[in-house]
Amino acid sequence: MKRKIKKSNNVATKNDIQGLRSDFKSSKKSLFGQMLKLEEKIENVEDRLGEKIEKAEVKLETKIDKLLTEVSNFAGRVETLEKENELGADQIHRVREDIKDHKKRITRLESPTAT
């Protein structure tokens, strides 16, 4: 709302100044209202963004928990296999020793001087 100032001697009258003051006040109110609306929109965006971040964090935590559970299960299976491998290796070692002993005994039993 621009007011035209009457150009008589380039001197502003009281009415001209009051009109400008009125225009300024209404512009100020309008800008203030627009600022409030903008602040509301920003707050709404921040709230929605916060909610989305929280949901993403929950999903991420759930996936990390599942992954850690799987890694833990895998580590448990590996540990079990390592123990079984050690036992198997020990058994193989004992069987080999027994076979050597059996070979010696069979050789002695089959030899003609063994009686």
PDB file of N, CA and C in Angstrom:
ATOM      1  N   MET A   1       0.824  -1.188   0.000  1.00  0.00           N
ATOM      2  CA  MET A   1       0.000   0.000   0.000  1.00  0.00           C
ATOM      3  C   MET A   1       0.863   1.245   0.000  1.00  0.00           C
ATOM      4  N   LYS A   2       1.257   1.646  -1.109  1.00  0.00           N
ATOM      5  CA  LYS A   2       2.060   2.858  -1.184  1.00  0.00           C
ATOM      6  C   LYS A   2       1.125   4.060  -1.273  1.00  0.00           C
ATOM      7  N   ARG A   3       1.449   5.002  -0.507  1.00  0.00           N
ATOM      8  CA  ARG A   3       0.672   6.252  -0.553  1.00  0.00           C
ATOM      9  C   ARG A   3       1.451   7.256  -1.367  1.00  0.00           C
ATOM     10  N   LYS A   4       0.731   7.985  -2.081  1.00  0.00           N
ATOM     11  CA  LYS A   4       1.382   9.039  -2.853  1.00  0.00           C
ATOM     12  C   LYS A   4       1.453  10.287  -1.996  1.00  0.00           C
ATOM     13  N   ILE A   5       2.640  10.796  -1.923  1.00  0.00           N
ATOM     14  CA  ILE A   5       2.820  12.047  -1.189  1.00  0.00           C
ATOM     15  C   ILE A   5       2.554  13.181  -2.161  1.00  0.00           C
ATOM     16  N   LYS A   6       1.739  14.059  -1.679  1.00  0.00           N
ATOM     17  CA  LYS A   6       1.443  15.215  -2.523  1.00  0.00           C
ATOM     18  C   LYS A   6       2.695  16.045  -2.685  1.00  0.00           C
ATOM     19  N   LYS A   7       2.960  16.409  -3.873  1.00  0.00           N
ATOM     20  CA  LYS A   7       4.179  17.160  -4.142  1.00  0.00           C
ATOM     21  C   LYS A   7       3.860  18.653  -4.205  1.00  0.00           C
ATOM     22  N   SER A   8       3.756  19.151  -3.059  1.00  0.00           N
ATOM     23  CA  SER A   8       3.623  20.604  -3.036  1.00  0.00           C
ATOM     24  C   SER A   8       4.789  21.120  -2.230  1.00  0.00           C
ATOM     25  N   ASN A   9       5.706  21.698  -2.867  1.00  0.00           N
ATOM     26  CA  ASN A   9       6.921  22.243  -2.269  1.00  0.00           C
ATOM     27  C   ASN A   9       7.815  21.149  -1.700  1.00  0.00           C
ATOM     28  N   ASN A  10       7.558  19.868  -2.010  1.00  0.00           N
ATOM     29  CA  ASN A  10       8.329  18.761  -1.470  1.00  0.00           C
ATOM     30  C   ASN A  10       8.294  18.722   0.049  1.00  0.00           C
ATOM     31  N   VAL A  11       7.259  19.185   0.628  1.00  0.00           N
ATOM     32  CA  VAL A  11       7.113  19.184   2.083  1.00  0.00           C
ATOM     33  C   VAL A  11       6.017  18.174   2.421  1.00  0.00           C
ATOM     34  N   ALA A  12       6.339  17.282   3.382  1.00  0.00           N
ATOM     35  CA  ALA A  12       5.354  16.294   3.793  1.00  0.00           C
ATOM     36  C   ALA A  12       4.472  16.905   4.867  1.00  0.00           C
ATOM     37  N   THR A  13       3.220  16.585   4.768  1.00  0.00           N
ATOM     38  CA  THR A  13       2.276  17.092   5.768  1.00  0.00           C
ATOM     39  C   THR A  13       2.154  16.072   6.885  1.00  0.00           C
ATOM     40  N   LYS A  14       1.465  16.483   7.948  1.00  0.00           N
ATOM     41  CA  LYS A  14       1.221  15.583   9.066  1.00  0.00           C
ATOM     42  C   LYS A  14       0.435  14.364   8.590  1.00  0.00           C
ATOM     43  N   ASN A  15      -0.521  14.597   7.739  1.00  0.00           N
ATOM     44  CA  ASN A  15      -1.329  13.494   7.214  1.00  0.00           C
ATOM     45  C   ASN A  15      -0.482  12.521   6.400  1.00  0.00           C
ATOM     46  N   ASP A  16       0.460  13.056   5.634  1.00  0.00           N
ATOM     47  CA  ASP A  16       1.352  12.189   4.856  1.00  0.00           C
ATOM     48  C   ASP A  16       2.169  11.295   5.787  1.00  0.00           C
ATOM     49  N   ILE A  17       2.708  11.885   6.834  1.00  0.00           N
ATOM     50  CA  ILE A  17       3.536  11.132   7.785  1.00  0.00           C
ATOM     51  C   ILE A  17       2.693  10.109   8.525  1.00  0.00           C
ATOM     52  N   GLN A  18       1.477  10.491   8.941  1.00  0.00           N
ATOM     53  CA  GLN A  18       0.600   9.539   9.633  1.00  0.00           C
ATOM     54  C   GLN A  18       0.204   8.397   8.691  1.00  0.00           C
ATOM     55  N   GLY A  19       0.002   8.686   7.444  1.00  0.00           N
ATOM     56  CA  GLY A  19      -0.324   7.647   6.458  1.00  0.00           C
ATOM     57  C   GLY A  19       0.837   6.684   6.286  1.00  0.00           C
ATOM     58  N   LEU A  20       2.044   7.242   6.201  1.00  0.00           N
ATOM     59  CA  LEU A  20       3.231   6.380   6.083  1.00  0.00           C
ATOM     60  C   LEU A  20       3.406   5.521   7.336  1.00  0.00           C
ATOM     61  N   ARG A  21       3.146   6.161   8.492  1.00  0.00           N
ATOM     62  CA  ARG A  21       3.252   5.430   9.755  1.00  0.00           C
ATOM     63  C   ARG A  21       2.237   4.280   9.779  1.00  0.00           C
ATOM     64  N   SER A  22       1.058   4.529   9.328  1.00  0.00           N
ATOM     65  CA  SER A  22       0.007   3.509   9.282  1.00  0.00           C
ATOM     66  C   SER A  22       0.399   2.387   8.330  1.00  0.00           C
ATOM     67  N   ASP A  23       0.912   2.764   7.156  1.00  0.00           N
ATOM     68  CA  ASP A  23       1.372   1.757   6.196  1.00  0.00           C
ATOM     69  C   ASP A  23       2.495   0.908   6.792  1.00  0.00           C
ATOM     70  N   PHE A  24       3.419   1.558   7.494  1.00  0.00           N
ATOM     71  CA  PHE A  24       4.537   0.856   8.110  1.00  0.00           C
ATOM     72  C   PHE A  24       4.042  -0.130   9.153  1.00  0.00           C
ATOM     73  N   LYS A  25       3.071   0.316   9.978  1.00  0.00           N
ATOM     74  CA  LYS A  25       2.539  -0.571  11.024  1.00  0.00           C
ATOM     75  C   LYS A  25       1.844  -1.782  10.414  1.00  0.00           C
ATOM     76  N   SER A  26       1.070  -1.570   9.373  1.00  0.00           N
ATOM     77  CA  SER A  26       0.372  -2.712   8.755  1.00  0.00           C
ATOM     78  C   SER A  26       1.379  -3.646   8.067  1.00  0.00           C
ATOM     79  N   SER A  27       2.410  -3.060   7.444  1.00  0.00           N
ATOM     80  CA  SER A  27       3.451  -3.898   6.834  1.00  0.00           C
ATOM     81  C   SER A  27       4.190  -4.686   7.904  1.00  0.00           C
ATOM     82  N   LYS A  28       4.445  -4.022   9.021  1.00  0.00           N
ATOM     83  CA  LYS A  28       5.145  -4.667  10.131  1.00  0.00           C
ATOM     84  C   LYS A  28       4.315  -5.832  10.661  1.00  0.00           C
ATOM     85  N   LYS A  29       3.000  -5.622  10.838  1.00  0.00           N
ATOM     86  CA  LYS A  29       2.115  -6.683  11.324  1.00  0.00           C
ATOM     87  C   LYS A  29       2.078  -7.841  10.330  1.00  0.00           C
ATOM     88  N   SER A  30       1.995  -7.507   9.055  1.00  0.00           N
ATOM     89  CA  SER A  30       1.948  -8.536   8.025  1.00  0.00           C
ATOM     90  C   SER A  30       3.229  -9.365   8.023  1.00  0.00           C
ATOM     91  N   LEU A  31       4.375  -8.686   8.090  1.00  0.00           N
ATOM     92  CA  LEU A  31       5.660  -9.401   8.123  1.00  0.00           C
ATOM     93  C   LEU A  31       5.779 -10.264   9.373  1.00  0.00           C
ATOM     94  N   PHE A  32       5.324  -9.720  10.495  1.00  0.00           N
ATOM     95  CA  PHE A  32       5.385 -10.478  11.746  1.00  0.00           C
ATOM     96  C   PHE A  32       4.522 -11.737  11.642  1.00  0.00           C
ATOM     97  N   GLY A  33       3.324 -11.591  11.052  1.00  0.00           N
ATOM     98  CA  GLY A  33       2.446 -12.748  10.850  1.00  0.00           C
ATOM     99  C   GLY A  33       3.083 -13.787   9.949  1.00  0.00           C
ATOM    100  N   GLN A  34       3.722 -13.336   8.891  1.00  0.00           N
ATOM    101  CA  GLN A  34       4.390 -14.254   7.973  1.00  0.00           C
ATOM    102  C   GLN A  34       5.559 -14.958   8.662  1.00  0.00           C
ATOM    103  N   MET A  35       6.256 -14.213   9.519  1.00  0.00           N
ATOM    104  CA  MET A  35       7.367 -14.824  10.261  1.00  0.00           C
ATOM    105  C   MET A  35       6.858 -15.903  11.199  1.00  0.00           C
ATOM    106  N   LEU A  36       5.733 -15.636  11.873  1.00  0.00           N
ATOM    107  CA  LEU A  36       5.154 -16.642  12.765  1.00  0.00           C
ATOM    108  C   LEU A  36       4.755 -17.899  11.993  1.00  0.00           C
ATOM    109  N   LYS A  37       4.125 -17.713  10.830  1.00  0.00           N
ATOM    110  CA  LYS A  37       3.745 -18.865  10.001  1.00  0.00           C
ATOM    111  C   LYS A  37       4.983 -19.653   9.573  1.00  0.00           C
ATOM    112  N   LEU A  38       6.033 -18.945   9.197  1.00  0.00           N
ATOM    113  CA  LEU A  38       7.275 -19.594   8.781  1.00  0.00           C
ATOM    114  C   LEU A  38       7.895 -20.372   9.939  1.00  0.00           C
ATOM    115  N   GLU A  39       7.875 -19.774  11.127  1.00  0.00           N
ATOM    116  CA  GLU A  39       8.405 -20.475  12.308  1.00  0.00           C
ATOM    117  C   GLU A  39       7.622 -21.748  12.575  1.00  0.00           C
ATOM    118  N   GLU A  40       6.279 -21.671  12.428  1.00  0.00           N
ATOM    119  CA  GLU A  40       5.445 -22.854  12.622  1.00  0.00           C
ATOM    120  C   GLU A  40       5.811 -23.946  11.631  1.00  0.00           C
ATOM    121  N   LYS A  41       5.971 -23.549  10.366  1.00  0.00           N
ATOM    122  CA  LYS A  41       6.331 -24.532   9.338  1.00  0.00           C
ATOM    123  C   LYS A  41       7.680 -25.161   9.645  1.00  0.00           C
ATOM    124  N   ILE A  42       8.633 -24.355  10.077  1.00  0.00           N
ATOM    125  CA  ILE A  42       9.963 -24.869  10.410  1.00  0.00           C
ATOM    126  C   ILE A  42       9.874 -25.850  11.570  1.00  0.00           C
ATOM    127  N   GLU A  43       9.085 -25.509  12.585  1.00  0.00           N
ATOM    128  CA  GLU A  43       8.915 -26.414  13.738  1.00  0.00           C
ATOM    129  C   GLU A  43       8.283 -27.730  13.300  1.00  0.00           C
ATOM    130  N   ASN A  44       7.284 -27.650  12.406  1.00  0.00           N
ATOM    131  CA  ASN A  44       6.651 -28.880  11.908  1.00  0.00           C
ATOM    132  C   ASN A  44       7.651 -29.745  11.149  1.00  0.00           C
ATOM    133  N   VAL A  45       8.454 -29.112  10.330  1.00  0.00           N
ATOM    134  CA  VAL A  45       9.475 -29.858   9.583  1.00  0.00           C
ATOM    135  C   VAL A  45      10.473 -30.488  10.553  1.00  0.00           C
ATOM    136  N   GLU A  46      10.886 -29.725  11.561  1.00  0.00           N
ATOM    137  CA  GLU A  46      11.830 -30.256  12.553  1.00  0.00           C
ATOM    138  C   GLU A  46      11.231 -31.446  13.281  1.00  0.00           C
ATOM    139  N   ASP A  47       9.934 -31.341  13.658  1.00  0.00           N
ATOM    140  CA  ASP A  47       9.273 -32.446  14.359  1.00  0.00           C
ATOM    141  C   ASP A  47       9.218 -33.697  13.485  1.00  0.00           C
ATOM    142  N   ARG A  48       8.802 -33.520  12.222  1.00  0.00           N
ATOM    143  CA  ARG A  48       8.720 -34.670  11.318  1.00  0.00           C
ATOM    144  C   ARG A  48      10.094 -35.288  11.080  1.00  0.00           C
ATOM    145  N   LEU A  49      11.094 -34.420  10.922  1.00  0.00           N
ATOM    146  CA  LEU A  49      12.456 -34.903  10.709  1.00  0.00           C
ATOM    147  C   LEU A  49      12.948 -35.676  11.941  1.00  0.00           C
ATOM    148  N   GLY A  50      12.639 -35.141  13.122  1.00  0.00           N
ATOM    149  CA  GLY A  50      13.017 -35.825  14.359  1.00  0.00           C
ATOM    150  C   GLY A  50      12.381 -37.202  14.453  1.00  0.00           C
ATOM    151  N   GLU A  51      11.101 -37.292  14.091  1.00  0.00           N
ATOM    152  CA  GLU A  51      10.406 -38.582  14.119  1.00  0.00           C
ATOM    153  C   GLU A  51      11.040 -39.567  13.145  1.00  0.00           C
ATOM    154  N   LYS A  52      11.362 -39.078  11.950  1.00  0.00           N
ATOM    155  CA  LYS A  52      11.987 -39.956  10.954  1.00  0.00           C
ATOM    156  C   LYS A  52      13.355 -40.439  11.427  1.00  0.00           C
ATOM    157  N   ILE A  53      14.100 -39.553  12.056  1.00  0.00           N
ATOM    158  CA  ILE A  53      15.428 -39.929  12.570  1.00  0.00           C
ATOM    159  C   ILE A  53      15.273 -40.987  13.657  1.00  0.00           C
ATOM    160  N   GLU A  54      14.294 -40.802  14.556  1.00  0.00           N
ATOM    161  CA  GLU A  54      14.074 -41.784  15.625  1.00  0.00           C
ATOM    162  C   GLU A  54      13.718 -43.150  15.036  1.00  0.00           C
ATOM    163  N   LYS A  55      12.826 -43.156  14.032  1.00  0.00           N
ATOM    164  CA  LYS A  55      12.451 -44.429  13.407  1.00  0.00           C
ATOM    165  C   LYS A  55      13.657 -45.095  12.751  1.00  0.00           C
ATOM    166  N   ALA A  56      14.471 -44.288  12.087  1.00  0.00           N
ATOM    167  CA  ALA A  56      15.665 -44.824  11.436  1.00  0.00           C
ATOM    168  C   ALA A  56      16.626 -45.398  12.471  1.00  0.00           C
ATOM    169  N   GLU A  57      16.762 -44.715  13.610  1.00  0.00           N
ATOM    170  CA  GLU A  57      17.649 -45.204  14.670  1.00  0.00           C
ATOM    171  C   GLU A  57      17.156 -46.528  15.217  1.00  0.00           C
ATOM    172  N   VAL A  58      15.829 -46.643  15.411  1.00  0.00           N
ATOM    173  CA  VAL A  58      15.260 -47.896  15.928  1.00  0.00           C
ATOM    174  C   VAL A  58      15.515 -49.033  14.935  1.00  0.00           C
ATOM    175  N   LYS A  59      15.302 -48.756  13.641  1.00  0.00           N
ATOM    176  CA  LYS A  59      15.557 -49.786  12.626  1.00  0.00           C
ATOM    177  C   LYS A  59      17.028 -50.187  12.621  1.00  0.00           C
ATOM    178  N   LEU A  60      17.895 -49.192  12.717  1.00  0.00           N
ATOM    179  CA  LEU A  60      19.326 -49.463  12.707  1.00  0.00           C
ATOM    180  C   LEU A  60      19.727 -50.293  13.927  1.00  0.00           C
ATOM    181  N   GLU A  61      19.200 -49.935  15.096  1.00  0.00           N
ATOM    182  CA  GLU A  61      19.512 -50.692  16.310  1.00  0.00           C
ATOM    183  C   GLU A  61      19.034 -52.129  16.180  1.00  0.00           C
ATOM    184  N   THR A  62      17.842 -52.316  15.612  1.00  0.00           N
ATOM    185  CA  THR A  62      17.301 -53.663  15.428  1.00  0.00           C
ATOM    186  C   THR A  62      18.202 -54.473  14.502  1.00  0.00           C
ATOM    187  N   LYS A  63      18.617 -53.859  13.412  1.00  0.00           N
ATOM    188  CA  LYS A  63      19.491 -54.570  12.471  1.00  0.00           C
ATOM    189  C   LYS A  63      20.842 -54.887  13.105  1.00  0.00           C
ATOM    190  N   ILE A  64      21.369 -53.958  13.877  1.00  0.00           N
ATOM    191  CA  ILE A  64      22.657 -54.195  14.551  1.00  0.00           C
ATOM    192  C   ILE A  64      22.510 -55.326  15.552  1.00  0.00           C
ATOM    193  N   ASP A  65      21.392 -55.344  16.309  1.00  0.00           N
ATOM    194  CA  ASP A  65      21.164 -56.426  17.268  1.00  0.00           C
ATOM    195  C   ASP A  65      21.103 -57.781  16.567  1.00  0.00           C
ATOM    196  N   LYS A  66      20.379 -57.827  15.436  1.00  0.00           N
ATOM    197  CA  LYS A  66      20.287 -59.086  14.687  1.00  0.00           C
ATOM    198  C   LYS A  66      21.666 -59.517  14.196  1.00  0.00           C
ATOM    199  N   LEU A  67      22.423 -58.558  13.688  1.00  0.00           N
ATOM    200  CA  LEU A  67      23.760 -58.851  13.178  1.00  0.00           C
ATOM    201  C   LEU A  67      24.662 -59.361  14.299  1.00  0.00           C
ATOM    202  N   LEU A  68      24.622 -58.711  15.464  1.00  0.00           N
ATOM    203  CA  LEU A  68      25.449 -59.154  16.587  1.00  0.00           C
ATOM    204  C   LEU A  68      25.048 -60.550  17.045  1.00  0.00           C
ATOM    205  N   THR A  69      23.739 -60.839  17.021  1.00  0.00           N
ATOM    206  CA  THR A  69      23.277 -62.182  17.390  1.00  0.00           C
ATOM    207  C   THR A  69      23.829 -63.212  16.419  1.00  0.00           C
ATOM    208  N   GLU A  70      23.753 -62.905  15.127  1.00  0.00           N
ATOM    209  CA  GLU A  70      24.281 -63.831  14.120  1.00  0.00           C
ATOM    210  C   GLU A  70      25.785 -64.027  14.272  1.00  0.00           C
ATOM    211  N   VAL A  71      26.504 -62.957  14.520  1.00  0.00           N
ATOM    212  CA  VAL A  71      27.955 -63.062  14.700  1.00  0.00           C
ATOM    213  C   VAL A  71      28.259 -63.905  15.942  1.00  0.00           C
ATOM    214  N   SER A  72      27.502 -63.687  17.000  1.00  0.00           N
ATOM    215  CA  SER A  72      27.706 -64.460  18.227  1.00  0.00           C
ATOM    216  C   SER A  72      27.430 -65.942  17.983  1.00  0.00           C
ATOM    217  N   ASN A  73      26.333 -66.235  17.276  1.00  0.00           N
ATOM    218  CA  ASN A  73      26.021 -67.633  16.949  1.00  0.00           C
ATOM    219  C   ASN A  73      27.123 -68.257  16.102  1.00  0.00           C
ATOM    220  N   PHE A  74      27.583 -67.514  15.121  1.00  0.00           N
ATOM    221  CA  PHE A  74      28.651 -68.003  14.259  1.00  0.00           C
ATOM    222  C   PHE A  74      29.921 -68.272  15.067  1.00  0.00           C
ATOM    223  N   ALA A  75      30.257 -67.344  15.953  1.00  0.00           N
ATOM    224  CA  ALA A  75      31.454 -67.520  16.790  1.00  0.00           C
ATOM    225  C   ALA A  75      31.312 -68.756  17.669  1.00  0.00           C
ATOM    226  N   GLY A  76      30.103 -68.994  18.177  1.00  0.00           N
ATOM    227  CA  GLY A  76      29.862 -70.196  18.989  1.00  0.00           C
ATOM    228  C   GLY A  76      30.056 -71.462  18.179  1.00  0.00           C
ATOM    229  N   ARG A  77      29.545 -71.466  16.948  1.00  0.00           N
ATOM    230  CA  ARG A  77      29.721 -72.647  16.090  1.00  0.00           C
ATOM    231  C   ARG A  77      31.193 -72.863  15.755  1.00  0.00           C
ATOM    232  N   VAL A  78      31.916 -71.788  15.492  1.00  0.00           N
ATOM    233  CA  VAL A  78      33.348 -71.910  15.191  1.00  0.00           C
ATOM    234  C   VAL A  78      34.082 -72.479  16.395  1.00  0.00           C
ATOM    235  N   GLU A  79      33.732 -71.997  17.583  1.00  0.00           N
ATOM    236  CA  GLU A  79      34.391 -72.497  18.805  1.00  0.00           C
ATOM    237  C   GLU A  79      34.117 -73.990  18.979  1.00  0.00           C
ATOM    238  N   THR A  80      32.868 -74.394  18.734  1.00  0.00           N
ATOM    239  CA  THR A  80      32.515 -75.818  18.835  1.00  0.00           C
ATOM    240  C   THR A  80      33.312 -76.636  17.825  1.00  0.00           C
ATOM    241  N   LEU A  81      33.410 -76.146  16.594  1.00  0.00           N
ATOM    242  CA  LEU A  81      34.166 -76.853  15.567  1.00  0.00           C
ATOM    243  C   LEU A  81      35.649 -76.940  15.931  1.00  0.00           C
ATOM    244  N   GLU A  82      36.193 -75.893  16.522  1.00  0.00           N
ATOM    245  CA  GLU A  82      37.603 -75.924  16.938  1.00  0.00           C
ATOM    246  C   GLU A  82      37.823 -77.003  18.000  1.00  0.00           C
ATOM    247  N   LYS A  83      36.900 -77.092  18.959  1.00  0.00           N
ATOM    248  CA  LYS A  83      37.018 -78.119  20.008  1.00  0.00           C
ATOM    249  C   LYS A  83      36.921 -79.521  19.399  1.00  0.00           C
ATOM    250  N   GLU A  84      35.936 -79.695  18.504  1.00  0.00           N
ATOM    251  CA  GLU A  84      35.779 -80.991  17.851  1.00  0.00           C
ATOM    252  C   GLU A  84      37.013 -81.332  17.027  1.00  0.00           C
ATOM    253  N   ASN A  85      37.595 -80.362  16.375  1.00  0.00           N
ATOM    254  CA  ASN A  85      38.788 -80.564  15.584  1.00  0.00           C
ATOM    255  C   ASN A  85      39.953 -81.010  16.476  1.00  0.00           C
ATOM    256  N   GLU A  86      40.101 -80.374  17.627  1.00  0.00           N
ATOM    257  CA  GLU A  86      41.169 -80.764  18.564  1.00  0.00           C
ATOM    258  C   GLU A  86      40.965 -82.202  19.035  1.00  0.00           C
ATOM    259  N   LEU A  87      39.712 -82.529  19.383  1.00  0.00           N
ATOM    260  CA  LEU A  87      39.434 -83.899  19.834  1.00  0.00           C
ATOM    261  C   LEU A  87      39.709 -84.901  18.718  1.00  0.00           C
ATOM    262  N   GLY A  88      39.279 -84.553  17.509  1.00  0.00           N
ATOM    263  CA  GLY A  88      39.504 -85.444  16.364  1.00  0.00           C
ATOM    264  C   GLY A  88      40.990 -85.636  16.098  1.00  0.00           C
ATOM    265  N   ALA A  89      41.748 -84.570  16.178  1.00  0.00           N
ATOM    266  CA  ALA A  89      43.189 -84.660  15.943  1.00  0.00           C
ATOM    267  C   ALA A  89      43.837 -85.548  17.003  1.00  0.00           C
ATOM    268  N   ASP A  90      43.391 -85.384  18.247  1.00  0.00           N
ATOM    269  CA  ASP A  90      43.937 -86.206  19.333  1.00  0.00           C
ATOM    270  C   ASP A  90      43.589 -87.682  19.107  1.00  0.00           C
ATOM    271  N   GLN A  91      42.360 -87.943  18.702  1.00  0.00           N
ATOM    272  CA  GLN A  91      41.948 -89.328  18.448  1.00  0.00           C
ATOM    273  C   GLN A  91      42.758 -89.921  17.294  1.00  0.00           C
ATOM    274  N   ILE A  92      42.945 -89.153  16.243  1.00  0.00           N
ATOM    275  CA  ILE A  92      43.743 -89.643  15.105  1.00  0.00           C
ATOM    276  C   ILE A  92      45.163 -89.962  15.562  1.00  0.00           C
ATOM    277  N   HIS A  93      45.732 -89.112  16.392  1.00  0.00           N
ATOM    278  CA  HIS A  93      47.084 -89.354  16.900  1.00  0.00           C
ATOM    279  C   HIS A  93      47.129 -90.670  17.686  1.00  0.00           C
ATOM    280  N   ARG A  94      46.124 -90.889  18.560  1.00  0.00           N
ATOM    281  CA  ARG A  94      46.102 -92.121  19.354  1.00  0.00           C
ATOM    282  C   ARG A  94      45.914 -93.353  18.464  1.00  0.00           C
ATOM    283  N   VAL A  95      45.059 -93.229  17.452  1.00  0.00           N
ATOM    284  CA  VAL A  95      44.829 -94.364  16.551  1.00  0.00           C
ATOM    285  C   VAL A  95      46.122 -94.693  15.804  1.00  0.00           C
ATOM    286  N   ARG A  96      46.853 -93.687  15.368  1.00  0.00           N
ATOM    287  CA  ARG A  96      48.119 -93.935  14.674  1.00  0.00           C
ATOM    288  C   ARG A  96      49.116 -94.648  15.593  1.00  0.00           C
ATOM    289  N   GLU A  97      49.160 -94.227  16.844  1.00  0.00           N
ATOM    290  CA  GLU A  97      50.064 -94.897  17.797  1.00  0.00           C
ATOM    291  C   GLU A  97      49.645 -96.353  17.999  1.00  0.00           C
ATOM    292  N   ASP A  98      48.309 -96.556  18.110  1.00  0.00           N
ATOM    293  CA  ASP A  98      47.825 -97.928  18.279  1.00  0.00           C
ATOM    294  C   ASP A  98      48.171 -98.778  17.052  1.00  0.00           C
ATOM    295  N   ILE A  99      48.056 -98.223  15.872  1.00  0.00           N
ATOM    296  CA  ILE A  99      48.371 -98.959  14.644  1.00  0.00           C
ATOM    297  C   ILE A  99      49.853 -99.350  14.642  1.00  0.00           C
ATOM    298  N   LYS A 100      50.732 -98.434  15.074  1.00  0.00           N
ATOM    299  CA  LYS A 100      52.156 -98.766  15.134  1.00  0.00           C
ATOM    300  C   LYS A 100      52.381 -99.934  16.086  1.00  0.00           C
ATOM    301  N   ASP A 101      51.719 -99.842  17.251  1.00  0.00           N
ATOM    302  CA  ASP A 101      51.870-100.936  18.221  1.00  0.00           C
ATOM    303  C   ASP A 101      51.332-102.246  17.651  1.00  0.00           C
ATOM    304  N   HIS A 102      50.211-102.195  16.982  1.00  0.00           N
ATOM    305  CA  HIS A 102      49.634-103.407  16.397  1.00  0.00           C
ATOM    306  C   HIS A 102      50.558-103.990  15.332  1.00  0.00           C
ATOM    307  N   LYS A 103      51.157-103.119  14.535  1.00  0.00           N
ATOM    308  CA  LYS A 103      52.083-103.600  13.511  1.00  0.00           C
ATOM    309  C   LYS A 103      53.234-104.359  14.159  1.00  0.00           C
ATOM    310  N   LYS A 104      53.767-103.773  15.226  1.00  0.00           N
ATOM    311  CA  LYS A 104      54.894-104.411  15.918  1.00  0.00           C
ATOM    312  C   LYS A 104      54.455-105.760  16.476  1.00  0.00           C
ATOM    313  N   ARG A 105      53.305-105.837  17.112  1.00  0.00           N
ATOM    314  CA  ARG A 105      52.841-107.090  17.708  1.00  0.00           C
ATOM    315  C   ARG A 105      52.562-108.138  16.637  1.00  0.00           C
ATOM    316  N   ILE A 106      51.920-107.703  15.538  1.00  0.00           N
ATOM    317  CA  ILE A 106      51.623-108.650  14.454  1.00  0.00           C
ATOM    318  C   ILE A 106      52.917-109.166  13.849  1.00  0.00           C
ATOM    319  N   THR A 107      53.881-108.270  13.673  1.00  0.00           N
ATOM    320  CA  THR A 107      55.152-108.670  13.108  1.00  0.00           C
ATOM    321  C   THR A 107      55.810-109.696  14.042  1.00  0.00           C
ATOM    322  N   ARG A 108      55.770-109.443  15.352  1.00  0.00           N
ATOM    323  CA  ARG A 108      56.369-110.379  16.312  1.00  0.00           C
ATOM    324  C   ARG A 108      55.638-111.725  16.312  1.00  0.00           C
ATOM    325  N   LEU A 109      54.312-111.651  16.245  1.00  0.00           N
ATOM    326  CA  LEU A 109      53.524-112.880  16.257  1.00  0.00           C
ATOM    327  C   LEU A 109      53.752-113.730  14.997  1.00  0.00           C
ATOM    328  N   GLU A 110      53.963-113.083  13.899  1.00  0.00           N
ATOM    329  CA  GLU A 110      54.143-113.791  12.643  1.00  0.00           C
ATOM    330  C   GLU A 110      55.577-114.233  12.411  1.00  0.00           C
ATOM    331  N   SER A 111      56.462-113.711  13.186  1.00  0.00           N
ATOM    332  CA  SER A 111      57.861-114.113  12.976  1.00  0.00           C
ATOM    333  C   SER A 111      58.048-115.553  13.492  1.00  0.00           C
ATOM    334  N   PRO A 112      58.918-116.343  12.845  1.00  0.00           N
ATOM    335  CA  PRO A 112      59.098-117.761  13.226  1.00  0.00           C
ATOM    336  C   PRO A 112      59.758-117.919  14.607  1.00  0.00           C
ATOM    337  N   THR A 113      60.404-116.916  15.106  1.00  0.00           N
ATOM    338  CA  THR A 113      61.058-117.047  16.408  1.00  0.00           C
ATOM    339  C   THR A 113      60.183-116.603  17.549  1.00  0.00           C
ATOM    340  N   ALA A 114      58.961-116.292  17.304  1.00  0.00           N
ATOM    341  CA  ALA A 114      58.086-115.712  18.304  1.00  0.00           C
ATOM    342  C   ALA A 114      57.539-116.723  19.285  1.00  0.00           C
ATOM    343  N   THR A 115      57.791-117.897  19.189  1.00  0.00           N
ATOM    344  CA  THR A 115      57.202-118.896  20.085  1.00  0.00           C
ATOM    345  C   THR A 115      58.012-119.158  21.263  1.00  0.00           C
TER     346      THR A 115
END
